[in-house]
């Protein structure tokens, strides 16, 4: 049988090993991941300033920045919003969680690669342009990770990568369903009507579909 002293030493050893494993598996990867995401965003910013082009930047199989090439866009609304997402994984009835919170900036407006026409007939100006859409969604620099380990199912770097991808996709789904696009449309129509009014014209505004799907 163990003596009391040996039992105490064994408990202290187990606690030390657990704390060391937690630091190596959870704390250090979390800090490295946050630094990597910030570094990737800065890299994208440097490319944008030097070449007016942002490449796709990937960190640990996580797309941090989407590729952006110069396109002709009319952004009529820019809106920041807070987003929260909780990622879960269960293994052998042990559940680990990662909660991610942060801010995104959504820009909604019009892709003017598609035809934009104004046809004037007497006092009526018929404006035809593509339907408004979400143009971009940019993550800000305030991402916060909160990890919660299961009893034997611990959070690792691969989990954090998967959670980050899911968090970004969920934010895009929210932005596409929110009122940003409708607000961009209203702001645009108000500006167009104001311009036309100064010229004594009435604006009739028509939108073409964002996508054309061929059905058979």
Protein backbone atom coordinates (compact mmCIF):
# COMPACT_ATOMS: atom_id res chain seq x y z
CA UNK A 1 0.00 0.00 0.00
CA UNK A 2 1.04 3.56 -0.64
CA UNK A 3 2.10 5.67 2.30
CA UNK A 4 0.44 9.07 2.72
CA UNK A 5 3.60 10.78 1.50
CA UNK A 6 3.79 8.66 -1.65
CA UNK A 7 0.11 9.26 -2.33
CA UNK A 8 0.56 13.03 -2.04
CA UNK A 9 3.57 12.91 -4.38
CA UNK A 10 1.61 10.85 -6.91
CA UNK A 11 -1.30 13.35 -6.84
CA UNK A 12 1.11 16.29 -7.30
CA UNK A 13 2.77 14.49 -10.24
CA UNK A 14 -0.59 13.88 -11.92
CA UNK A 15 -1.62 17.52 -11.43
CA UNK A 16 1.71 18.73 -12.89
CA UNK A 17 1.36 16.47 -15.93
CA UNK A 18 -2.23 17.62 -16.51
CA UNK A 19 -1.32 21.32 -16.31
CA UNK A 20 1.67 20.83 -18.64
CA UNK A 21 -0.47 18.94 -21.18
CA UNK A 22 -3.16 21.65 -21.06
CA UNK A 23 -0.60 24.39 -21.74
CA UNK A 24 1.01 22.47 -24.61
CA UNK A 25 -2.21 21.28 -26.26
CA UNK A 26 -4.62 24.18 -25.61
CA UNK A 27 -3.04 27.44 -24.45
CA UNK A 28 0.00 27.62 -26.76
CA UNK A 29 -1.89 26.59 -29.96
CA UNK A 30 -4.64 29.13 -29.21
CA UNK A 31 -2.14 31.98 -28.91
CA UNK A 32 -0.23 30.87 -31.99
CA UNK A 33 -3.47 30.64 -33.99
CA UNK A 34 -4.53 34.18 -33.07
CA UNK A 35 -1.09 35.53 -34.02
CA UNK A 36 -1.21 33.61 -37.30
CA UNK A 37 -4.61 35.04 -38.25
CA UNK A 38 -3.45 38.58 -37.47
CA UNK A 39 -0.27 38.03 -39.50
CA UNK A 40 -2.24 36.71 -42.46
CA UNK A 41 -4.55 39.72 -42.43
CA UNK A 42 -1.53 42.07 -42.34
CA UNK A 43 0.01 40.19 -45.26
CA UNK A 44 -3.17 40.67 -47.24
CA UNK A 45 -3.15 44.37 -46.36
CA UNK A 46 0.44 44.74 -47.58
CA UNK A 47 -0.44 43.08 -50.89
CA UNK A 48 -3.49 45.30 -51.27
CA UNK A 49 -1.47 48.47 -50.69
CA UNK A 50 1.38 47.45 -53.00
CA UNK A 51 -0.47 45.76 -55.86
CA UNK A 52 -4.16 46.59 -55.33
CA UNK A 53 -4.72 42.86 -55.10
CA UNK A 54 -5.36 40.54 -52.17
CA UNK A 55 -4.34 36.90 -52.57
CA UNK A 56 -6.07 34.06 -50.79
CA UNK A 57 -4.22 33.56 -47.50
CA UNK A 58 -4.52 30.21 -45.73
CA UNK A 59 -3.34 29.36 -42.20
CA UNK A 60 -3.53 25.75 -41.08
CA UNK A 61 -5.96 24.92 -43.87
CA UNK A 62 -8.14 27.84 -42.76
CA UNK A 63 -8.90 30.52 -45.33
CA UNK A 64 -8.35 33.77 -43.43
CA UNK A 65 -8.59 36.12 -46.42
CA UNK A 66 -10.52 35.54 -49.62
CA UNK A 67 -8.90 36.51 -52.89
CA UNK A 68 -10.05 39.92 -54.09
CA UNK A 69 -9.30 41.27 -57.55
CA UNK A 70 -10.10 44.79 -58.75
CA UNK A 71 -13.73 44.78 -59.89
CA UNK A 72 -16.10 47.56 -60.68
CA UNK A 73 -18.45 47.71 -57.69
CA UNK A 74 -20.79 50.25 -56.22
CA UNK A 75 -20.98 49.72 -52.47
CA UNK A 76 -23.94 51.68 -51.16
CA UNK A 77 -23.87 50.32 -47.61
CA UNK A 78 -21.13 49.35 -45.20
CA UNK A 79 -22.26 47.84 -41.90
CA UNK A 80 -20.33 46.29 -39.01
CA UNK A 81 -21.93 43.60 -36.87
CA UNK A 82 -20.96 41.37 -33.96
CA UNK A 83 -21.12 37.63 -34.57
CA UNK A 84 -20.96 34.67 -32.19
CA UNK A 85 -20.63 31.01 -33.08
CA UNK A 86 -20.29 27.86 -30.98
CA UNK A 87 -18.56 24.81 -32.45
CA UNK A 88 -19.07 21.41 -30.80
CA UNK A 89 -17.61 17.93 -31.16
CA UNK A 90 -18.60 14.83 -29.19
CA UNK A 91 -16.48 11.70 -28.92
CA UNK A 92 -17.36 8.80 -26.62
CA UNK A 93 -19.94 11.01 -24.87
CA UNK A 94 -17.30 13.66 -24.15
CA UNK A 95 -18.08 17.04 -25.73
CA UNK A 96 -15.60 19.82 -26.45
CA UNK A 97 -16.66 23.31 -27.47
CA UNK A 98 -15.11 26.39 -29.05
CA UNK A 99 -16.97 29.69 -28.83
CA UNK A 100 -15.80 32.36 -31.27
CA UNK A 101 -16.90 35.99 -31.17
CA UNK A 102 -15.82 38.91 -33.29
CA UNK A 103 -16.83 41.71 -35.64
CA UNK A 104 -17.39 41.62 -39.39
CA UNK A 105 -17.84 44.46 -41.84
CA UNK A 106 -20.38 43.70 -44.56
CA UNK A 107 -20.55 45.72 -47.77
CA UNK A 108 -23.63 45.48 -49.94
CA UNK A 109 -24.26 47.05 -53.31
CA UNK A 110 -23.93 46.33 -57.01
CA UNK A 111 -21.52 44.45 -59.26
CA UNK A 112 -21.20 46.78 -62.22
CA UNK A 113 -19.43 44.24 -64.40
CA UNK A 114 -23.00 43.47 -65.35
CA UNK A 115 -24.92 45.88 -67.53
CA UNK A 116 -26.10 49.15 -66.01
CA UNK A 117 -28.22 51.21 -68.37
CA UNK A 118 -30.26 54.41 -68.21
CA UNK A 119 -32.85 54.93 -70.91
CA UNK A 120 -34.52 58.36 -71.01
CA UNK A 121 -37.92 58.80 -72.65
CA UNK A 122 -39.35 62.29 -72.25
CA UNK A 123 -39.43 62.82 -68.47
CA UNK A 124 -38.92 59.15 -67.49
CA UNK A 125 -35.48 57.64 -66.92
CA UNK A 126 -35.56 53.84 -66.94
CA UNK A 127 -32.64 52.54 -64.92
CA UNK A 128 -31.70 48.87 -65.39
CA UNK A 129 -28.96 47.28 -63.32
CA UNK A 130 -28.09 44.03 -61.54
CA UNK A 131 -29.88 43.25 -58.32
CA UNK A 132 -28.04 44.35 -55.18
CA UNK A 133 -26.00 41.72 -53.36
CA UNK A 134 -23.51 41.16 -50.57
CA UNK A 135 -20.23 42.34 -52.11
CA UNK A 136 -17.79 41.49 -49.35
CA UNK A 137 -17.53 40.33 -45.76
CA UNK A 138 -14.35 41.27 -43.94
CA UNK A 139 -13.36 39.99 -40.52
CA UNK A 140 -12.07 42.61 -38.11
CA UNK A 141 -9.21 42.26 -35.62
CA UNK A 142 -11.17 41.38 -32.48
CA UNK A 143 -11.61 37.59 -32.79
CA UNK A 144 -11.82 35.88 -29.39
CA UNK A 145 -11.65 32.10 -28.83
CA UNK A 146 -13.13 30.46 -25.73
CA UNK A 147 -12.31 26.75 -25.47
CA UNK A 148 -14.10 24.23 -23.29
CA UNK A 149 -12.56 20.76 -23.15
CA UNK A 150 -14.45 17.55 -22.64
CA UNK A 151 -13.42 15.13 -19.92
CA UNK A 152 -11.12 13.27 -22.34
CA UNK A 153 -11.95 15.05 -25.59
CA UNK A 154 -9.66 18.08 -25.69
CA UNK A 155 -9.58 20.99 -28.11
CA UNK A 156 -6.60 21.00 -30.50
CA UNK A 157 -5.35 23.12 -33.41
CA UNK A 158 -7.34 21.15 -36.01
CA UNK A 159 -10.53 21.77 -34.04
CA UNK A 160 -9.80 25.48 -33.90
CA UNK A 161 -9.25 25.56 -37.66
CA UNK A 162 -12.55 23.77 -38.30
CA UNK A 163 -14.35 26.08 -35.88
CA UNK A 164 -12.91 29.17 -37.58
CA UNK A 165 -14.09 27.99 -41.00
CA UNK A 166 -17.57 27.25 -39.65
CA UNK A 167 -17.67 30.63 -37.87
CA UNK A 168 -16.85 32.53 -41.08
CA UNK A 169 -19.39 30.53 -43.12
CA UNK A 170 -22.07 31.14 -40.51
CA UNK A 171 -21.36 34.89 -40.51
CA UNK A 172 -21.73 34.98 -44.31
CA UNK A 173 -25.05 33.15 -44.14
CA UNK A 174 -26.24 35.67 -41.57
CA UNK A 175 -25.09 38.66 -43.64
CA UNK A 176 -26.79 37.31 -46.77
CA UNK A 177 -30.08 36.91 -44.90
CA UNK A 178 -29.90 40.18 -42.94
CA UNK A 179 -31.28 43.53 -44.06
CA UNK A 180 -27.97 44.76 -45.50
CA UNK A 181 -28.91 44.10 -49.13
CA UNK A 182 -32.38 45.64 -48.75
CA UNK A 183 -30.86 48.70 -47.06
CA UNK A 184 -28.30 49.04 -49.86
CA UNK A 185 -31.12 48.94 -52.40
CA UNK A 186 -33.09 51.63 -50.58
CA UNK A 187 -30.04 53.88 -50.21
CA UNK A 188 -29.21 53.51 -53.90
CA UNK A 189 -32.75 54.21 -55.07
CA UNK A 190 -32.94 57.32 -52.91
CA UNK A 191 -29.68 58.66 -54.43
CA UNK A 192 -30.76 57.86 -57.99
CA UNK A 193 -34.17 59.49 -57.56
CA UNK A 194 -32.51 62.60 -56.09
CA UNK A 195 -30.15 62.88 -59.07
CA UNK A 196 -32.92 62.34 -61.60
CA UNK A 197 -35.15 64.86 -59.88
CA UNK A 198 -32.49 67.56 -60.30
CA UNK A 199 -32.72 66.92 -64.04
CA UNK A 200 -36.51 66.97 -64.09
CA UNK A 201 -36.76 63.22 -64.59
CA UNK A 202 -38.75 60.47 -62.92
CA UNK A 203 -36.71 57.34 -62.23
CA UNK A 204 -38.14 53.92 -63.05
CA UNK A 205 -35.73 51.38 -61.59
CA UNK A 206 -35.54 47.75 -62.74
CA UNK A 207 -33.23 44.99 -61.52
CA UNK A 208 -31.88 42.04 -63.44
CA UNK A 209 -31.44 38.74 -61.54
CA UNK A 210 -28.14 38.22 -59.76
CA UNK A 211 -27.80 34.78 -61.33
CA UNK A 212 -29.45 33.14 -64.31
CA UNK A 213 -30.08 29.42 -63.85
CA UNK A 214 -30.90 27.35 -66.90
CA UNK A 215 -33.64 24.81 -66.25
CA UNK A 216 -34.44 21.81 -68.40
